[in-house]
Amino acid sequence: MSPHTYTLPPTAIAFKTLTLILGGLITYFSYRAYKRTRAPSLRALAIGFGLVTTGSLLAGVSNLLLNRFIDVPIYVSLTIESGLTMIGFGVIVYSLYTQK
């Protein structure tokens, strides 16, 4: 293992876990609302929150797997998370401007 291995403090792990739970709930409820109303804006909202939540999940998984077993720097995980968060928020903004 590299001497530069970075481990997350327990508080950060707890916050990431809560982010995944809350993001998953928001995604689930917005998807249910879309299924009930068939409103395209709610579909986009569910996709946007799903991307943000997936970004958080992939960042944690990639940090755990890549950093520990392949010795990939932590900025790779942060880049994955930031990219998916940016795309997800872009879709959320789009959902707020969708007509119908």
PDB file of N, CA and C in Angstrom:
ATOM      1  N   MET A   1       0.836  -1.172   0.000  1.00  0.00           N
ATOM      2  CA  MET A   1       0.000   0.000   0.000  1.00  0.00           C
ATOM      3  C   MET A   1       0.882   1.237   0.000  1.00  0.00           C
ATOM      4  N   SER A   2       0.489   2.240  -0.697  1.00  0.00           N
ATOM      5  CA  SER A   2       1.251   3.472  -0.834  1.00  0.00           C
ATOM      6  C   SER A   2       1.251   4.265   0.473  1.00  0.00           C
ATOM      7  N   PRO A   3       2.350   4.949   0.784  1.00  0.00           N
ATOM      8  CA  PRO A   3       2.354   5.795   1.983  1.00  0.00           C
ATOM      9  C   PRO A   3       1.461   7.022   1.814  1.00  0.00           C
ATOM     10  N   HIS A   4       0.968   7.261   0.606  1.00  0.00           N
ATOM     11  CA  HIS A   4       0.111   8.415   0.334  1.00  0.00           C
ATOM     12  C   HIS A   4      -1.372   8.049   0.337  1.00  0.00           C
ATOM     13  N   THR A   5      -1.685   6.870   0.856  1.00  0.00           N
ATOM     14  CA  THR A   5      -3.076   6.435   0.890  1.00  0.00           C
ATOM     15  C   THR A   5      -3.870   7.362   1.798  1.00  0.00           C
ATOM     16  N   TYR A   6      -5.022   7.773   1.291  1.00  0.00           N
ATOM     17  CA  TYR A   6      -5.877   8.693   2.028  1.00  0.00           C
ATOM     18  C   TYR A   6      -7.116   7.942   2.469  1.00  0.00           C
ATOM     19  N   THR A   7      -7.459   8.040   3.732  1.00  0.00           N
ATOM     20  CA  THR A   7      -8.691   7.427   4.226  1.00  0.00           C
ATOM     21  C   THR A   7      -9.626   8.527   4.688  1.00  0.00           C
ATOM     22  N   LEU A   8     -10.901   8.311   4.462  1.00  0.00           N
ATOM     23  CA  LEU A   8     -11.898   9.286   4.861  1.00  0.00           C
ATOM     24  C   LEU A   8     -12.179   9.165   6.352  1.00  0.00           C
ATOM     25  N   PRO A   9     -12.357  10.296   7.021  1.00  0.00           N
ATOM     26  CA  PRO A   9     -12.730  10.229   8.435  1.00  0.00           C
ATOM     27  C   PRO A   9     -14.156   9.693   8.577  1.00  0.00           C
ATOM     28  N   PRO A  10     -14.474   9.117   9.738  1.00  0.00           N
ATOM     29  CA  PRO A  10     -15.811   8.542   9.934  1.00  0.00           C
ATOM     30  C   PRO A  10     -16.947   9.543   9.702  1.00  0.00           C
ATOM     31  N   THR A  11     -16.737  10.796  10.027  1.00  0.00           N
ATOM     32  CA  THR A  11     -17.778  11.807   9.806  1.00  0.00           C
ATOM     33  C   THR A  11     -18.085  11.943   8.321  1.00  0.00           C
ATOM     34  N   ALA A  12     -17.057  11.978   7.482  1.00  0.00           N
ATOM     35  CA  ALA A  12     -17.259  12.091   6.038  1.00  0.00           C
ATOM     36  C   ALA A  12     -17.973  10.861   5.496  1.00  0.00           C
ATOM     37  N   ILE A  13     -17.643   9.693   6.013  1.00  0.00           N
ATOM     38  CA  ILE A  13     -18.309   8.465   5.585  1.00  0.00           C
ATOM     39  C   ILE A  13     -19.786   8.508   5.970  1.00  0.00           C
ATOM     40  N   ALA A  14     -20.066   8.992   7.176  1.00  0.00           N
ATOM     41  CA  ALA A  14     -21.462   9.113   7.618  1.00  0.00           C
ATOM     42  C   ALA A  14     -22.226  10.090   6.732  1.00  0.00           C
ATOM     43  N   PHE A  15     -21.603  11.229   6.405  1.00  0.00           N
ATOM     44  CA  PHE A  15     -22.263  12.214   5.546  1.00  0.00           C
ATOM     45  C   PHE A  15     -22.498  11.661   4.146  1.00  0.00           C
ATOM     46  N   LYS A  16     -21.539  10.932   3.606  1.00  0.00           N
ATOM     47  CA  LYS A  16     -21.705  10.326   2.284  1.00  0.00           C
ATOM     48  C   LYS A  16     -22.830   9.297   2.301  1.00  0.00           C
ATOM     49  N   THR A  17     -22.917   8.520   3.370  1.00  0.00           N
ATOM     50  CA  THR A  17     -23.979   7.527   3.487  1.00  0.00           C
ATOM     51  C   THR A  17     -25.341   8.210   3.542  1.00  0.00           C
ATOM     52  N   LEU A  18     -25.453   9.269   4.321  1.00  0.00           N
ATOM     53  CA  LEU A  18     -26.711  10.014   4.389  1.00  0.00           C
ATOM     54  C   LEU A  18     -27.044  10.662   3.051  1.00  0.00           C
ATOM     55  N   THR A  19     -26.043  11.139   2.347  1.00  0.00           N
ATOM     56  CA  THR A  19     -26.256  11.709   1.016  1.00  0.00           C
ATOM     57  C   THR A  19     -26.838  10.660   0.077  1.00  0.00           C
ATOM     58  N   LEU A  20     -26.306   9.452   0.128  1.00  0.00           N
ATOM     59  CA  LEU A  20     -26.819   8.377  -0.723  1.00  0.00           C
ATOM     60  C   LEU A  20     -28.260   8.019  -0.358  1.00  0.00           C
ATOM     61  N   ILE A  21     -28.551   7.949   0.925  1.00  0.00           N
ATOM     62  CA  ILE A  21     -29.906   7.596   1.363  1.00  0.00           C
ATOM     63  C   ILE A  21     -30.897   8.682   0.955  1.00  0.00           C
ATOM     64  N   LEU A  22     -30.574   9.933   1.278  1.00  0.00           N
ATOM     65  CA  LEU A  22     -31.489  11.031   0.949  1.00  0.00           C
ATOM     66  C   LEU A  22     -31.609  11.234  -0.558  1.00  0.00           C
ATOM     67  N   GLY A  23     -30.501  11.150  -1.277  1.00  0.00           N
ATOM     68  CA  GLY A  23     -30.543  11.269  -2.733  1.00  0.00           C
ATOM     69  C   GLY A  23     -31.353  10.158  -3.366  1.00  0.00           C
ATOM     70  N   GLY A  24     -31.215   8.954  -2.828  1.00  0.00           N
ATOM     71  CA  GLY A  24     -32.006   7.838  -3.326  1.00  0.00           C
ATOM     72  C   GLY A  24     -33.496   8.038  -3.074  1.00  0.00           C
ATOM     73  N   LEU A  25     -33.833   8.570  -1.902  1.00  0.00           N
ATOM     74  CA  LEU A  25     -35.245   8.839  -1.601  1.00  0.00           C
ATOM     75  C   LEU A  25     -35.821   9.920  -2.512  1.00  0.00           C
ATOM     76  N   ILE A  26     -35.053  10.997  -2.730  1.00  0.00           N
ATOM     77  CA  ILE A  26     -35.526  12.066  -3.620  1.00  0.00           C
ATOM     78  C   ILE A  26     -35.720  11.521  -5.029  1.00  0.00           C
ATOM     79  N   THR A  27     -34.779  10.715  -5.488  1.00  0.00           N
ATOM     80  CA  THR A  27     -34.891  10.115  -6.821  1.00  0.00           C
ATOM     81  C   THR A  27     -36.125   9.217  -6.906  1.00  0.00           C
ATOM     82  N   TYR A  28     -36.323   8.399  -5.898  1.00  0.00           N
ATOM     83  CA  TYR A  28     -37.462   7.477  -5.878  1.00  0.00           C
ATOM     84  C   TYR A  28     -38.792   8.237  -5.887  1.00  0.00           C
ATOM     85  N   PHE A  29     -38.915   9.239  -5.019  1.00  0.00           N
ATOM     86  CA  PHE A  29     -40.180   9.967  -4.947  1.00  0.00           C
ATOM     87  C   PHE A  29     -40.442  10.803  -6.196  1.00  0.00           C
ATOM     88  N   SER A  30     -39.413  11.377  -6.779  1.00  0.00           N
ATOM     89  CA  SER A  30     -39.637  12.135  -8.012  1.00  0.00           C
ATOM     90  C   SER A  30     -39.987  11.200  -9.167  1.00  0.00           C
ATOM     91  N   TYR A  31     -39.424   9.991  -9.170  1.00  0.00           N
ATOM     92  CA  TYR A  31     -39.796   9.014 -10.201  1.00  0.00           C
ATOM     93  C   TYR A  31     -41.246   8.553 -10.014  1.00  0.00           C
ATOM     94  N   ARG A  32     -41.643   8.332  -8.775  1.00  0.00           N
ATOM     95  CA  ARG A  32     -43.041   7.956  -8.512  1.00  0.00           C
ATOM     96  C   ARG A  32     -43.995   9.057  -8.957  1.00  0.00           C
ATOM     97  N   ALA A  33     -43.606  10.304  -8.695  1.00  0.00           N
ATOM     98  CA  ALA A  33     -44.446  11.427  -9.141  1.00  0.00           C
ATOM     99  C   ALA A  33     -44.532  11.456 -10.662  1.00  0.00           C
ATOM    100  N   TYR A  34     -43.420  11.169 -11.337  1.00  0.00           N
ATOM    101  CA  TYR A  34     -43.440  11.111 -12.801  1.00  0.00           C
ATOM    102  C   TYR A  34     -44.378   9.999 -13.277  1.00  0.00           C
ATOM    103  N   LYS A  35     -44.298   8.811 -12.668  1.00  0.00           N
ATOM    104  CA  LYS A  35     -45.157   7.696 -13.088  1.00  0.00           C
ATOM    105  C   LYS A  35     -46.630   8.037 -12.906  1.00  0.00           C
ATOM    106  N   ARG A  36     -46.936   8.811 -11.870  1.00  0.00           N
ATOM    107  CA  ARG A  36     -48.321   9.173 -11.594  1.00  0.00           C
ATOM    108  C   ARG A  36     -48.835  10.229 -12.566  1.00  0.00           C
ATOM    109  N   THR A  37     -47.990  11.204 -12.903  1.00  0.00           N
ATOM    110  CA  THR A  37     -48.440  12.348 -13.713  1.00  0.00           C
ATOM    111  C   THR A  37     -47.988  12.292 -15.165  1.00  0.00           C
ATOM    112  N   ARG A  38     -46.926  11.526 -15.440  1.00  0.00           N
ATOM    113  CA  ARG A  38     -46.313  11.470 -16.781  1.00  0.00           C
ATOM    114  C   ARG A  38     -45.789  12.834 -17.241  1.00  0.00           C
ATOM    115  N   ALA A  39     -45.435  13.684 -16.286  1.00  0.00           N
ATOM    116  CA  ALA A  39     -44.893  15.009 -16.614  1.00  0.00           C
ATOM    117  C   ALA A  39     -43.415  14.866 -16.976  1.00  0.00           C
ATOM    118  N   PRO A  40     -43.012  15.324 -18.161  1.00  0.00           N
ATOM    119  CA  PRO A  40     -41.602  15.217 -18.568  1.00  0.00           C
ATOM    120  C   PRO A  40     -40.645  15.921 -17.602  1.00  0.00           C
ATOM    121  N   SER A  41     -41.097  17.000 -16.979  1.00  0.00           N
ATOM    122  CA  SER A  41     -40.220  17.712 -16.050  1.00  0.00           C
ATOM    123  C   SER A  41     -39.895  16.857 -14.824  1.00  0.00           C
ATOM    124  N   LEU A  42     -40.849  16.060 -14.375  1.00  0.00           N
ATOM    125  CA  LEU A  42     -40.584  15.180 -13.234  1.00  0.00           C
ATOM    126  C   LEU A  42     -39.667  14.025 -13.621  1.00  0.00           C
ATOM    127  N   ARG A  43     -39.778  13.563 -14.861  1.00  0.00           N
ATOM    128  CA  ARG A  43     -38.845  12.534 -15.336  1.00  0.00           C
ATOM    129  C   ARG A  43     -37.421  13.086 -15.350  1.00  0.00           C
ATOM    130  N   ALA A  44     -37.266  14.295 -15.871  1.00  0.00           N
ATOM    131  CA  ALA A  44     -35.938  14.916 -15.903  1.00  0.00           C
ATOM    132  C   ALA A  44     -35.427  15.160 -14.493  1.00  0.00           C
ATOM    133  N   LEU A  45     -36.308  15.548 -13.588  1.00  0.00           N
ATOM    134  CA  LEU A  45     -35.912  15.762 -12.196  1.00  0.00           C
ATOM    135  C   LEU A  45     -35.403  14.464 -11.576  1.00  0.00           C
ATOM    136  N   ALA A  46     -36.108  13.366 -11.809  1.00  0.00           N
ATOM    137  CA  ALA A  46     -35.678  12.066 -11.282  1.00  0.00           C
ATOM    138  C   ALA A  46     -34.327  11.665 -11.865  1.00  0.00           C
ATOM    139  N   ILE A  47     -34.145  11.884 -13.163  1.00  0.00           N
ATOM    140  CA  ILE A  47     -32.862  11.551 -13.801  1.00  0.00           C
ATOM    141  C   ILE A  47     -31.744  12.408 -13.219  1.00  0.00           C
ATOM    142  N   GLY A  48     -32.004  13.701 -13.037  1.00  0.00           N
ATOM    143  CA  GLY A  48     -30.993  14.601 -12.491  1.00  0.00           C
ATOM    144  C   GLY A  48     -30.550  14.197 -11.095  1.00  0.00           C
ATOM    145  N   PHE A  49     -31.521  13.944 -10.220  1.00  0.00           N
ATOM    146  CA  PHE A  49     -31.161  13.523  -8.863  1.00  0.00           C
ATOM    147  C   PHE A  49     -30.519  12.143  -8.864  1.00  0.00           C
ATOM    148  N   GLY A  50     -30.932  11.293  -9.788  1.00  0.00           N
ATOM    149  CA  GLY A  50     -30.291   9.990  -9.908  1.00  0.00           C
ATOM    150  C   GLY A  50     -28.821  10.110 -10.295  1.00  0.00           C
ATOM    151  N   LEU A  51     -28.522  11.035 -11.194  1.00  0.00           N
ATOM    152  CA  LEU A  51     -27.124  11.249 -11.594  1.00  0.00           C
ATOM    153  C   LEU A  51     -26.284  11.805 -10.446  1.00  0.00           C
ATOM    154  N   VAL A  52     -26.838  12.749  -9.705  1.00  0.00           N
ATOM    155  CA  VAL A  52     -26.109  13.315  -8.559  1.00  0.00           C
ATOM    156  C   VAL A  52     -25.839  12.221  -7.530  1.00  0.00           C
ATOM    157  N   THR A  53     -26.850  11.413  -7.241  1.00  0.00           N
ATOM    158  CA  THR A  53     -26.694  10.338  -6.264  1.00  0.00           C
ATOM    159  C   THR A  53     -25.721   9.280  -6.767  1.00  0.00           C
ATOM    160  N   THR A  54     -25.811   8.936  -8.040  1.00  0.00           N
ATOM    161  CA  THR A  54     -24.890   7.962  -8.623  1.00  0.00           C
ATOM    162  C   THR A  54     -23.456   8.474  -8.576  1.00  0.00           C
ATOM    163  N   GLY A  55     -23.276   9.773  -8.806  1.00  0.00           N
ATOM    164  CA  GLY A  55     -21.933  10.360  -8.714  1.00  0.00           C
ATOM    165  C   GLY A  55     -21.338  10.193  -7.338  1.00  0.00           C
ATOM    166  N   SER A  56     -22.139  10.392  -6.328  1.00  0.00           N
ATOM    167  CA  SER A  56     -21.675  10.221  -4.962  1.00  0.00           C
ATOM    168  C   SER A  56     -21.326   8.762  -4.683  1.00  0.00           C
ATOM    169  N   LEU A  57     -22.167   7.863  -5.157  1.00  0.00           N
ATOM    170  CA  LEU A  57     -21.910   6.438  -4.972  1.00  0.00           C
ATOM    171  C   LEU A  57     -20.641   6.004  -5.699  1.00  0.00           C
ATOM    172  N   LEU A  58     -20.511   6.399  -6.964  1.00  0.00           N
ATOM    173  CA  LEU A  58     -19.328   5.995  -7.737  1.00  0.00           C
ATOM    174  C   LEU A  58     -18.044   6.579  -7.173  1.00  0.00           C
ATOM    175  N   ALA A  59     -18.116   7.776  -6.623  1.00  0.00           N
ATOM    176  CA  ALA A  59     -16.925   8.372  -6.016  1.00  0.00           C
ATOM    177  C   ALA A  59     -16.463   7.537  -4.834  1.00  0.00           C
ATOM    178  N   GLY A  60     -17.394   7.111  -4.013  1.00  0.00           N
ATOM    179  CA  GLY A  60     -17.030   6.282  -2.865  1.00  0.00           C
ATOM    180  C   GLY A  60     -16.492   4.928  -3.272  1.00  0.00           C
ATOM    181  N   VAL A  61     -17.153   4.305  -4.229  1.00  0.00           N
ATOM    182  CA  VAL A  61     -16.714   2.984  -4.691  1.00  0.00           C
ATOM    183  C   VAL A  61     -15.359   3.084  -5.389  1.00  0.00           C
ATOM    184  N   SER A  62     -15.205   4.089  -6.251  1.00  0.00           N
ATOM    185  CA  SER A  62     -13.929   4.216  -6.961  1.00  0.00           C
ATOM    186  C   SER A  62     -12.804   4.571  -5.993  1.00  0.00           C
ATOM    187  N   ASN A  63     -13.110   5.379  -4.987  1.00  0.00           N
ATOM    188  CA  ASN A  63     -12.088   5.700  -3.987  1.00  0.00           C
ATOM    189  C   ASN A  63     -11.683   4.441  -3.236  1.00  0.00           C
ATOM    190  N   LEU A  64     -12.654   3.657  -2.860  1.00  0.00           N
ATOM    191  CA  LEU A  64     -12.379   2.433  -2.109  1.00  0.00           C
ATOM    192  C   LEU A  64     -11.600   1.430  -2.947  1.00  0.00           C
ATOM    193  N   LEU A  65     -12.059   1.176  -4.168  1.00  0.00           N
ATOM    194  CA  LEU A  65     -11.437   0.147  -4.990  1.00  0.00           C
ATOM    195  C   LEU A  65     -10.158   0.614  -5.675  1.00  0.00           C
ATOM    196  N   LEU A  66     -10.248   1.761  -6.354  1.00  0.00           N
ATOM    197  CA  LEU A  66      -9.094   2.215  -7.126  1.00  0.00           C
ATOM    198  C   LEU A  66      -7.934   2.652  -6.232  1.00  0.00           C
ATOM    199  N   ASN A  67      -8.232   3.382  -5.182  1.00  0.00           N
ATOM    200  CA  ASN A  67      -7.179   3.897  -4.322  1.00  0.00           C
ATOM    201  C   ASN A  67      -6.517   2.783  -3.521  1.00  0.00           C
ATOM    202  N   ARG A  68      -7.280   1.805  -3.110  1.00  0.00           N
ATOM    203  CA  ARG A  68      -6.712   0.751  -2.264  1.00  0.00           C
ATOM    204  C   ARG A  68      -6.022  -0.349  -3.059  1.00  0.00           C
ATOM    205  N   PHE A  69      -6.551  -0.696  -4.214  1.00  0.00           N
ATOM    206  CA  PHE A  69      -6.017  -1.849  -4.928  1.00  0.00           C
ATOM    207  C   PHE A  69      -5.154  -1.489  -6.133  1.00  0.00           C
ATOM    208  N   ILE A  70      -5.410  -0.358  -6.754  1.00  0.00           N
ATOM    209  CA  ILE A  70      -4.663   0.002  -7.955  1.00  0.00           C
ATOM    210  C   ILE A  70      -3.799   1.242  -7.722  1.00  0.00           C
ATOM    211  N   ASP A  71      -3.959   1.881  -6.577  1.00  0.00           N
ATOM    212  CA  ASP A  71      -3.190   3.066  -6.195  1.00  0.00           C
ATOM    213  C   ASP A  71      -3.413   4.234  -7.155  1.00  0.00           C
ATOM    214  N   VAL A  72      -4.682   4.490  -7.463  1.00  0.00           N
ATOM    215  CA  VAL A  72      -5.062   5.638  -8.278  1.00  0.00           C
ATOM    216  C   VAL A  72      -5.273   6.825  -7.344  1.00  0.00           C
ATOM    217  N   PRO A  73      -4.803   8.002  -7.698  1.00  0.00           N
ATOM    218  CA  PRO A  73      -4.952   9.166  -6.816  1.00  0.00           C
ATOM    219  C   PRO A  73      -6.414   9.503  -6.532  1.00  0.00           C
ATOM    220  N   ILE A  74      -6.638  10.133  -5.402  1.00  0.00           N
ATOM    221  CA  ILE A  74      -7.996  10.453  -4.962  1.00  0.00           C
ATOM    222  C   ILE A  74      -8.680  11.449  -5.899  1.00  0.00           C
ATOM    223  N   TYR A  75      -7.908  12.258  -6.619  1.00  0.00           N
ATOM    224  CA  TYR A  75      -8.548  13.239  -7.501  1.00  0.00           C
ATOM    225  C   TYR A  75      -9.350  12.574  -8.619  1.00  0.00           C
ATOM    226  N   VAL A  76      -9.066  11.316  -8.940  1.00  0.00           N
ATOM    227  CA  VAL A  76      -9.856  10.604  -9.937  1.00  0.00           C
ATOM    228  C   VAL A  76     -11.285  10.416  -9.409  1.00  0.00           C
ATOM    229  N   SER A  77     -11.403   9.998  -8.156  1.00  0.00           N
ATOM    230  CA  SER A  77     -12.727   9.832  -7.539  1.00  0.00           C
ATOM    231  C   SER A  77     -13.459  11.157  -7.464  1.00  0.00           C
ATOM    232  N   LEU A  78     -12.744  12.199  -7.093  1.00  0.00           N
ATOM    233  CA  LEU A  78     -13.365  13.519  -6.993  1.00  0.00           C
ATOM    234  C   LEU A  78     -13.811  14.028  -8.360  1.00  0.00           C
ATOM    235  N   THR A  79     -13.036  13.724  -9.396  1.00  0.00           N
ATOM    236  CA  THR A  79     -13.405  14.135 -10.752  1.00  0.00           C
ATOM    237  C   THR A  79     -14.672  13.411 -11.219  1.00  0.00           C
ATOM    238  N   ILE A  80     -14.763  12.123 -10.930  1.00  0.00           N
ATOM    239  CA  ILE A  80     -15.959  11.352 -11.280  1.00  0.00           C
ATOM    240  C   ILE A  80     -17.177  11.941 -10.585  1.00  0.00           C
ATOM    241  N   GLU A  81     -17.058  12.177  -9.290  1.00  0.00           N
ATOM    242  CA  GLU A  81     -18.182  12.728  -8.530  1.00  0.00           C
ATOM    243  C   GLU A  81     -18.571  14.115  -9.030  1.00  0.00           C
ATOM    244  N   SER A  82     -17.590  14.967  -9.234  1.00  0.00           N
ATOM    245  CA  SER A  82     -17.881  16.332  -9.685  1.00  0.00           C
ATOM    246  C   SER A  82     -18.514  16.351 -11.069  1.00  0.00           C
ATOM    247  N   GLY A  83     -18.046  15.500 -11.962  1.00  0.00           N
ATOM    248  CA  GLY A  83     -18.611  15.449 -13.308  1.00  0.00           C
ATOM    249  C   GLY A  83     -20.062  15.000 -13.313  1.00  0.00           C
ATOM    250  N   LEU A  84     -20.361  13.933 -12.574  1.00  0.00           N
ATOM    251  CA  LEU A  84     -21.740  13.466 -12.527  1.00  0.00           C
ATOM    252  C   LEU A  84     -22.647  14.442 -11.775  1.00  0.00           C
ATOM    253  N   THR A  85     -22.110  15.095 -10.757  1.00  0.00           N
ATOM    254  CA  THR A  85     -22.888  16.106 -10.037  1.00  0.00           C
ATOM    255  C   THR A  85     -23.216  17.269 -10.963  1.00  0.00           C
ATOM    256  N   MET A  86     -22.246  17.719 -11.746  1.00  0.00           N
ATOM    257  CA  MET A  86     -22.472  18.815 -12.681  1.00  0.00           C
ATOM    258  C   MET A  86     -23.536  18.443 -13.714  1.00  0.00           C
ATOM    259  N   ILE A  87     -23.422  17.256 -14.297  1.00  0.00           N
ATOM    260  CA  ILE A  87     -24.405  16.817 -15.296  1.00  0.00           C
ATOM    261  C   ILE A  87     -25.782  16.681 -14.651  1.00  0.00           C
ATOM    262  N   GLY A  88     -25.829  16.095 -13.458  1.00  0.00           N
ATOM    263  CA  GLY A  88     -27.102  15.929 -12.767  1.00  0.00           C
ATOM    264  C   GLY A  88     -27.772  17.249 -12.463  1.00  0.00           C
ATOM    265  N   PHE A  89     -27.009  18.219 -11.983  1.00  0.00           N
ATOM    266  CA  PHE A  89     -27.585  19.531 -11.709  1.00  0.00           C
ATOM    267  C   PHE A  89     -28.024  20.213 -13.006  1.00  0.00           C
ATOM    268  N   GLY A  90     -27.302  19.979 -14.088  1.00  0.00           N
ATOM    269  CA  GLY A  90     -27.730  20.522 -15.377  1.00  0.00           C
ATOM    270  C   GLY A  90     -29.080  19.959 -15.793  1.00  0.00           C
ATOM    271  N   VAL A  91     -29.281  18.662 -15.571  1.00  0.00           N
ATOM    272  CA  VAL A  91     -30.565  18.040 -15.898  1.00  0.00           C
ATOM    273  C   VAL A  91     -31.662  18.575 -14.971  1.00  0.00           C
ATOM    274  N   ILE A  92     -31.330  18.805 -13.700  1.00  0.00           N
ATOM    275  CA  ILE A  92     -32.310  19.368 -12.763  1.00  0.00           C
ATOM    276  C   ILE A  92     -32.719  20.773 -13.204  1.00  0.00           C
ATOM    277  N   VAL A  93     -31.756  21.582 -13.607  1.00  0.00           N
ATOM    278  CA  VAL A  93     -32.077  22.923 -14.099  1.00  0.00           C
ATOM    279  C   VAL A  93     -32.980  22.821 -15.323  1.00  0.00           C
ATOM    280  N   TYR A  94     -32.653  21.904 -16.228  1.00  0.00           N
ATOM    281  CA  TYR A  94     -33.491  21.683 -17.416  1.00  0.00           C
ATOM    282  C   TYR A  94     -34.917  21.312 -16.994  1.00  0.00           C
ATOM    283  N   SER A  95     -35.034  20.456 -15.977  1.00  0.00           N
ATOM    284  CA  SER A  95     -36.374  20.020 -15.534  1.00  0.00           C
ATOM    285  C   SER A  95     -37.198  21.182 -15.009  1.00  0.00           C
ATOM    286  N   LEU A  96     -36.552  22.197 -14.485  1.00  0.00           N
ATOM    287  CA  LEU A  96     -37.279  23.351 -13.961  1.00  0.00           C
ATOM    288  C   LEU A  96     -37.801  24.254 -15.071  1.00  0.00           C
ATOM    289  N   TYR A  97     -37.223  24.134 -16.262  1.00  0.00           N
ATOM    290  CA  TYR A  97     -37.635  24.964 -17.395  1.00  0.00           C
ATOM    291  C   TYR A  97     -38.466  24.201 -18.412  1.00  0.00           C
ATOM    292  N   THR A  98     -38.686  22.910 -18.197  1.00  0.00           N
ATOM    293  CA  THR A  98     -39.466  22.100 -19.127  1.00  0.00           C
ATOM    294  C   THR A  98     -40.944  22.490 -19.033  1.00  0.00           C
ATOM    295  N   GLN A  99     -41.562  22.616 -20.188  1.00  0.00           N
ATOM    296  CA  GLN A  99     -42.978  22.968 -20.243  1.00  0.00           C
ATOM    297  C   GLN A  99     -43.845  21.709 -20.095  1.00  0.00           C
ATOM    298  N   LYS A 100     -45.069  21.885 -19.639  1.00  0.00           N
ATOM    299  CA  LYS A 100     -46.112  20.874 -19.469  1.00  0.00           C
ATOM    300  C   LYS A 100     -46.276  20.526 -18.055  1.00  0.00           C
TER     301      LYS A 100
END
